[in-house]
Amino acid sequence: MENYTETTNNQMIIDETAKTHFLEMAKWTKFLAIMGFIMMGIMIVAGLFMGSIFANLPGYNAIGALSGIGFAIFYTLISAIYFYPVYALYKFSTVIKQALAYNDTALFNEAIAYKKNMFKYMGILMIIVLAMYALIFMFAIMVGVVGSMG
C-alpha cells in the first residue's frame, strides 16, 4: 500500500499522491453538490407544478386544493432536508482546493469538518428514517392483528 502521509514531530504531512486524490475528490464532490442544488430546484418546481395541477382538477374542489398544497409542501420539505448536506459537500469541495493550493492546515481542517458534518447529518437522517420505518411496520402489524380479530 502506498504511503499517503509522513509523520514528523506529530504533524501529518500530505504528500503529492494524497493531494492528487483530494483534488480529484473535490472535483467530484463539487459536481455532486451542483447536481444536488439543481435537483432541489427541480423538486421545488415539480412540487409547485403538481400542486397547481391537483388544485385545478375538475371535481376536486377543496380536496384538490389541499392535496395540491400538500404536494408543494412535501417537495419543499424534502428539498429543505437535503439542503445542508449538499451545501456542506459544496463547501468541502471549494475549501479543500484552497487548503491544498496554499498548504493551509486551518482550511484543510475546515474542509474536513464540512465533510464530517455532512456524514453526521446523513447518519442522523438515516437513523430517523429507520425509526420511522420500524414504527410504521409495528403499526401495520397491530392494525393487521386487530383487523383479523373482528
C-alpha atoms as a PDB file:
ATOM      1  CA  MET A   1       0.000   0.000   0.000  1.00  0.00           C
ATOM      2  CA  GLU A   2       1.250   3.458  -0.836  1.00  0.00           C
ATOM      3  CA  ASN A   3       2.379   5.815   1.889  1.00  0.00           C
ATOM      4  CA  TYR A   4      -0.073   8.732   1.777  1.00  0.00           C
ATOM      5  CA  THR A   5       1.378  10.638   4.718  1.00  0.00           C
ATOM      6  CA  GLU A   6       4.650  11.063   6.520  1.00  0.00           C
ATOM      7  CA  THR A   7       4.730  11.694  10.241  1.00  0.00           C
ATOM      8  CA  THR A   8       7.273  14.108  11.671  1.00  0.00           C
ATOM      9  CA  ASN A   9       7.027  15.691  15.112  1.00  0.00           C
ATOM     10  CA  ASN A  10       3.380  14.652  15.482  1.00  0.00           C
ATOM     11  CA  GLN A  11       2.420  16.536  12.334  1.00  0.00           C
ATOM     12  CA  MET A  12       0.812  14.930   9.356  1.00  0.00           C
ATOM     13  CA  ILE A  13       2.215  15.993   6.018  1.00  0.00           C
ATOM     14  CA  ILE A  14       0.105  15.335   2.962  1.00  0.00           C
ATOM     15  CA  ASP A  15       2.210  14.082   0.068  1.00  0.00           C
ATOM     16  CA  GLU A  16       1.566  14.642  -3.638  1.00  0.00           C
ATOM     17  CA  THR A  17      -0.359  11.381  -4.050  1.00  0.00           C
ATOM     18  CA  ALA A  18      -2.806  12.355  -1.307  1.00  0.00           C
ATOM     19  CA  LYS A  19      -3.115  15.870  -2.743  1.00  0.00           C
ATOM     20  CA  THR A  20      -3.973  14.375  -6.122  1.00  0.00           C
ATOM     21  CA  HIS A  21      -6.660  12.193  -4.523  1.00  0.00           C
ATOM     22  CA  PHE A  22      -8.102  15.126  -2.575  1.00  0.00           C
ATOM     23  CA  LEU A  23      -8.188  17.340  -5.674  1.00  0.00           C
ATOM     24  CA  GLU A  24      -9.958  14.628  -7.657  1.00  0.00           C
ATOM     25  CA  MET A  25     -12.382  14.138  -4.767  1.00  0.00           C
ATOM     26  CA  ALA A  26     -13.001  17.912  -4.738  1.00  0.00           C
ATOM     27  CA  LYS A  27     -13.973  17.831  -8.413  1.00  0.00           C
ATOM     28  CA  TRP A  28     -16.443  15.007  -7.895  1.00  0.00           C
ATOM     29  CA  THR A  29     -17.920  16.460  -4.701  1.00  0.00           C
ATOM     30  CA  LYS A  30     -18.406  19.829  -6.421  1.00  0.00           C
ATOM     31  CA  PHE A  31     -20.142  18.084  -9.329  1.00  0.00           C
ATOM     32  CA  LEU A  32     -22.407  16.151  -6.938  1.00  0.00           C
ATOM     33  CA  ALA A  33     -23.166  19.293  -4.926  1.00  0.00           C
ATOM     34  CA  ILE A  34     -24.091  21.298  -8.024  1.00  0.00           C
ATOM     35  CA  MET A  35     -26.299  18.436  -9.207  1.00  0.00           C
ATOM     36  CA  GLY A  36     -27.866  18.343  -5.732  1.00  0.00           C
ATOM     37  CA  PHE A  37     -28.706  22.053  -5.905  1.00  0.00           C
ATOM     38  CA  ILE A  38     -30.197  21.574  -9.376  1.00  0.00           C
ATOM     39  CA  MET A  39     -32.260  18.586  -8.212  1.00  0.00           C
ATOM     40  CA  MET A  40     -33.550  20.536  -5.198  1.00  0.00           C
ATOM     41  CA  GLY A  41     -34.668  23.301  -7.551  1.00  0.00           C
ATOM     42  CA  ILE A  42     -36.379  20.791  -9.825  1.00  0.00           C
ATOM     43  CA  MET A  43     -38.128  19.211  -6.823  1.00  0.00           C
ATOM     44  CA  ILE A  44     -39.473  22.574  -5.662  1.00  0.00           C
ATOM     45  CA  VAL A  45     -40.677  23.470  -9.166  1.00  0.00           C
ATOM     46  CA  ALA A  46     -42.210  19.990  -9.574  1.00  0.00           C
ATOM     47  CA  GLY A  47     -43.977  20.340  -6.221  1.00  0.00           C
ATOM     48  CA  LEU A  48     -45.440  23.679  -7.228  1.00  0.00           C
ATOM     49  CA  PHE A  49     -46.369  22.344 -10.669  1.00  0.00           C
ATOM     50  CA  MET A  50     -48.053  19.224  -9.273  1.00  0.00           C
ATOM     51  CA  GLY A  51     -49.712  21.362  -6.622  1.00  0.00           C
ATOM     52  CA  SER A  52     -51.261  23.626  -9.232  1.00  0.00           C
ATOM     53  CA  ILE A  53     -52.386  20.632 -11.305  1.00  0.00           C
ATOM     54  CA  PHE A  54     -54.135  18.991  -8.341  1.00  0.00           C
ATOM     55  CA  ALA A  55     -55.646  22.287  -7.230  1.00  0.00           C
ATOM     56  CA  ASN A  56     -57.204  22.795 -10.680  1.00  0.00           C
ATOM     57  CA  LEU A  57     -58.567  19.285 -11.290  1.00  0.00           C
ATOM     58  CA  PRO A  58     -62.288  19.394 -12.024  1.00  0.00           C
ATOM     59  CA  GLY A  59     -64.452  17.832  -9.352  1.00  0.00           C
ATOM     60  CA  TYR A  60     -61.806  18.010  -6.602  1.00  0.00           C
ATOM     61  CA  ASN A  61     -62.553  21.456  -5.186  1.00  0.00           C
ATOM     62  CA  ALA A  62     -61.356  21.514  -1.568  1.00  0.00           C
ATOM     63  CA  ILE A  63     -59.652  18.118  -1.678  1.00  0.00           C
ATOM     64  CA  GLY A  64     -57.729  19.039  -4.821  1.00  0.00           C
ATOM     65  CA  ALA A  65     -56.575  22.316  -3.326  1.00  0.00           C
ATOM     66  CA  LEU A  66     -55.428  20.592  -0.122  1.00  0.00           C
ATOM     67  CA  SER A  67     -53.609  17.842  -1.987  1.00  0.00           C
ATOM     68  CA  GLY A  68     -52.003  20.472  -4.231  1.00  0.00           C
ATOM     69  CA  ILE A  69     -50.748  22.390  -1.204  1.00  0.00           C
ATOM     70  CA  GLY A  70     -49.624  19.076   0.293  1.00  0.00           C
ATOM     71  CA  PHE A  71     -47.520  18.272  -2.788  1.00  0.00           C
ATOM     72  CA  ALA A  72     -45.881  21.689  -2.728  1.00  0.00           C
ATOM     73  CA  ILE A  73     -45.128  21.447   0.997  1.00  0.00           C
ATOM     74  CA  PHE A  74     -43.833  17.862   0.731  1.00  0.00           C
ATOM     75  CA  TYR A  75     -41.381  18.578  -2.091  1.00  0.00           C
ATOM     76  CA  THR A  76     -40.235  21.827  -0.477  1.00  0.00           C
ATOM     77  CA  LEU A  77     -39.689  19.991   2.822  1.00  0.00           C
ATOM     78  CA  ILE A  78     -37.639  17.250   1.136  1.00  0.00           C
ATOM     79  CA  SER A  79     -35.536  19.919  -0.574  1.00  0.00           C
ATOM     80  CA  ALA A  80     -35.022  21.707   2.736  1.00  0.00           C
ATOM     81  CA  ILE A  81     -33.915  18.477   4.421  1.00  0.00           C
ATOM     82  CA  TYR A  82     -31.302  17.863   1.726  1.00  0.00           C
ATOM     83  CA  PHE A  83     -30.060  21.461   1.575  1.00  0.00           C
ATOM     84  CA  TYR A  84     -27.474  21.205   4.375  1.00  0.00           C
ATOM     85  CA  PRO A  85     -25.674  18.043   3.207  1.00  0.00           C
ATOM     86  CA  VAL A  86     -25.476  19.395  -0.347  1.00  0.00           C
ATOM     87  CA  TYR A  87     -24.238  22.761   0.949  1.00  0.00           C
ATOM     88  CA  ALA A  88     -21.621  21.042   3.166  1.00  0.00           C
ATOM     89  CA  LEU A  89     -20.459  18.963   0.202  1.00  0.00           C
ATOM     90  CA  TYR A  90     -20.073  22.117  -1.889  1.00  0.00           C
ATOM     91  CA  LYS A  91     -18.174  23.908   0.880  1.00  0.00           C
ATOM     92  CA  PHE A  92     -15.869  20.894   1.285  1.00  0.00           C
ATOM     93  CA  SER A  93     -15.030  20.947  -2.421  1.00  0.00           C
ATOM     94  CA  THR A  94     -14.219  24.654  -2.502  1.00  0.00           C
ATOM     95  CA  VAL A  95     -12.344  24.852   0.809  1.00  0.00           C
ATOM     96  CA  ILE A  96     -10.228  21.706   0.216  1.00  0.00           C
ATOM     97  CA  LYS A  97      -8.991  23.152  -3.093  1.00  0.00           C
ATOM     98  CA  GLN A  98      -7.923  26.353  -1.326  1.00  0.00           C
ATOM     99  CA  ALA A  99      -6.302  24.414   1.510  1.00  0.00           C
ATOM    100  CA  LEU A 100      -4.227  22.322  -0.866  1.00  0.00           C
ATOM    101  CA  ALA A 101      -3.310  25.285  -3.077  1.00  0.00           C
ATOM    102  CA  TYR A 102      -1.988  27.323  -0.132  1.00  0.00           C
ATOM    103  CA  ASN A 103      -0.862  24.413   2.120  1.00  0.00           C
ATOM    104  CA  ASP A 104      -3.149  25.852   4.806  1.00  0.00           C
ATOM    105  CA  THR A 105      -3.799  23.482   7.707  1.00  0.00           C
ATOM    106  CA  ALA A 106      -6.660  25.589   9.100  1.00  0.00           C
ATOM    107  CA  LEU A 107      -8.502  25.491   5.760  1.00  0.00           C
ATOM    108  CA  PHE A 108      -7.803  21.770   5.434  1.00  0.00           C
ATOM    109  CA  ASN A 109      -9.318  21.184   8.893  1.00  0.00           C
ATOM    110  CA  GLU A 110     -12.317  23.351   7.963  1.00  0.00           C
ATOM    111  CA  ALA A 111     -12.878  21.318   4.782  1.00  0.00           C
ATOM    112  CA  ILE A 112     -12.677  18.021   6.660  1.00  0.00           C
ATOM    113  CA  ALA A 113     -15.129  19.404   9.245  1.00  0.00           C
ATOM    114  CA  TYR A 114     -17.641  20.146   6.466  1.00  0.00           C
ATOM    115  CA  LYS A 115     -17.272  16.587   5.192  1.00  0.00           C
ATOM    116  CA  LYS A 116     -17.649  15.159   8.720  1.00  0.00           C
ATOM    117  CA  ASN A 117     -20.758  17.273   9.363  1.00  0.00           C
ATOM    118  CA  MET A 118     -22.308  16.108   6.098  1.00  0.00           C
ATOM    119  CA  PHE A 119     -21.782  12.453   7.050  1.00  0.00           C
ATOM    120  CA  LYS A 120     -23.044  13.086  10.591  1.00  0.00           C
ATOM    121  CA  TYR A 121     -26.193  14.796   9.257  1.00  0.00           C
ATOM    122  CA  MET A 122     -26.858  11.965   6.791  1.00  0.00           C
ATOM    123  CA  GLY A 123     -26.275   9.373   9.535  1.00  0.00           C
ATOM    124  CA  ILE A 124     -28.777  11.053  11.858  1.00  0.00           C
ATOM    125  CA  LEU A 125     -31.232  11.347   8.985  1.00  0.00           C
ATOM    126  CA  MET A 126     -30.817   7.619   8.279  1.00  0.00           C
ATOM    127  CA  ILE A 127     -31.484   6.783  11.947  1.00  0.00           C
ATOM    128  CA  ILE A 128     -34.666   8.885  11.837  1.00  0.00           C
ATOM    129  CA  VAL A 129     -35.854   7.183   8.628  1.00  0.00           C
ATOM    130  CA  LEU A 130     -35.136   3.696  10.014  1.00  0.00           C
ATOM    131  CA  ALA A 131     -37.013   4.559  13.228  1.00  0.00           C
ATOM    132  CA  MET A 132     -39.981   5.751  11.168  1.00  0.00           C
ATOM    133  CA  TYR A 133     -39.919   2.521   9.150  1.00  0.00           C
ATOM    134  CA  ALA A 134     -39.869   0.498  12.372  1.00  0.00           C
ATOM    135  CA  LEU A 135     -42.847   2.432  13.759  1.00  0.00           C
ATOM    136  CA  ILE A 136     -44.788   2.049  10.519  1.00  0.00           C
ATOM    137  CA  PHE A 137     -44.023  -1.690  10.468  1.00  0.00           C
ATOM    138  CA  MET A 138     -45.154  -2.120  14.088  1.00  0.00           C
ATOM    139  CA  PHE A 139     -48.315  -0.077  13.433  1.00  0.00           C
ATOM    140  CA  ALA A 140     -49.101  -2.205  10.360  1.00  0.00           C
ATOM    141  CA  ILE A 141     -48.720  -5.394  12.403  1.00  0.00           C
ATOM    142  CA  MET A 142     -51.033  -4.035  15.119  1.00  0.00           C
ATOM    143  CA  VAL A 143     -53.649  -2.998  12.552  1.00  0.00           C
ATOM    144  CA  GLY A 144     -53.403  -6.449  10.966  1.00  0.00           C
ATOM    145  CA  VAL A 145     -53.846  -8.210  14.313  1.00  0.00           C
ATOM    146  CA  VAL A 146     -56.801  -6.014  15.327  1.00  0.00           C
ATOM    147  CA  GLY A 147     -58.329  -6.395  11.854  1.00  0.00           C
ATOM    148  CA  SER A 148     -58.095 -10.187  11.982  1.00  0.00           C
ATOM    149  CA  MET A 149     -59.857 -10.302  15.375  1.00  0.00           C
ATOM    150  CA  GLY A 150     -63.018  -8.584  14.158  1.00  0.00           C
END
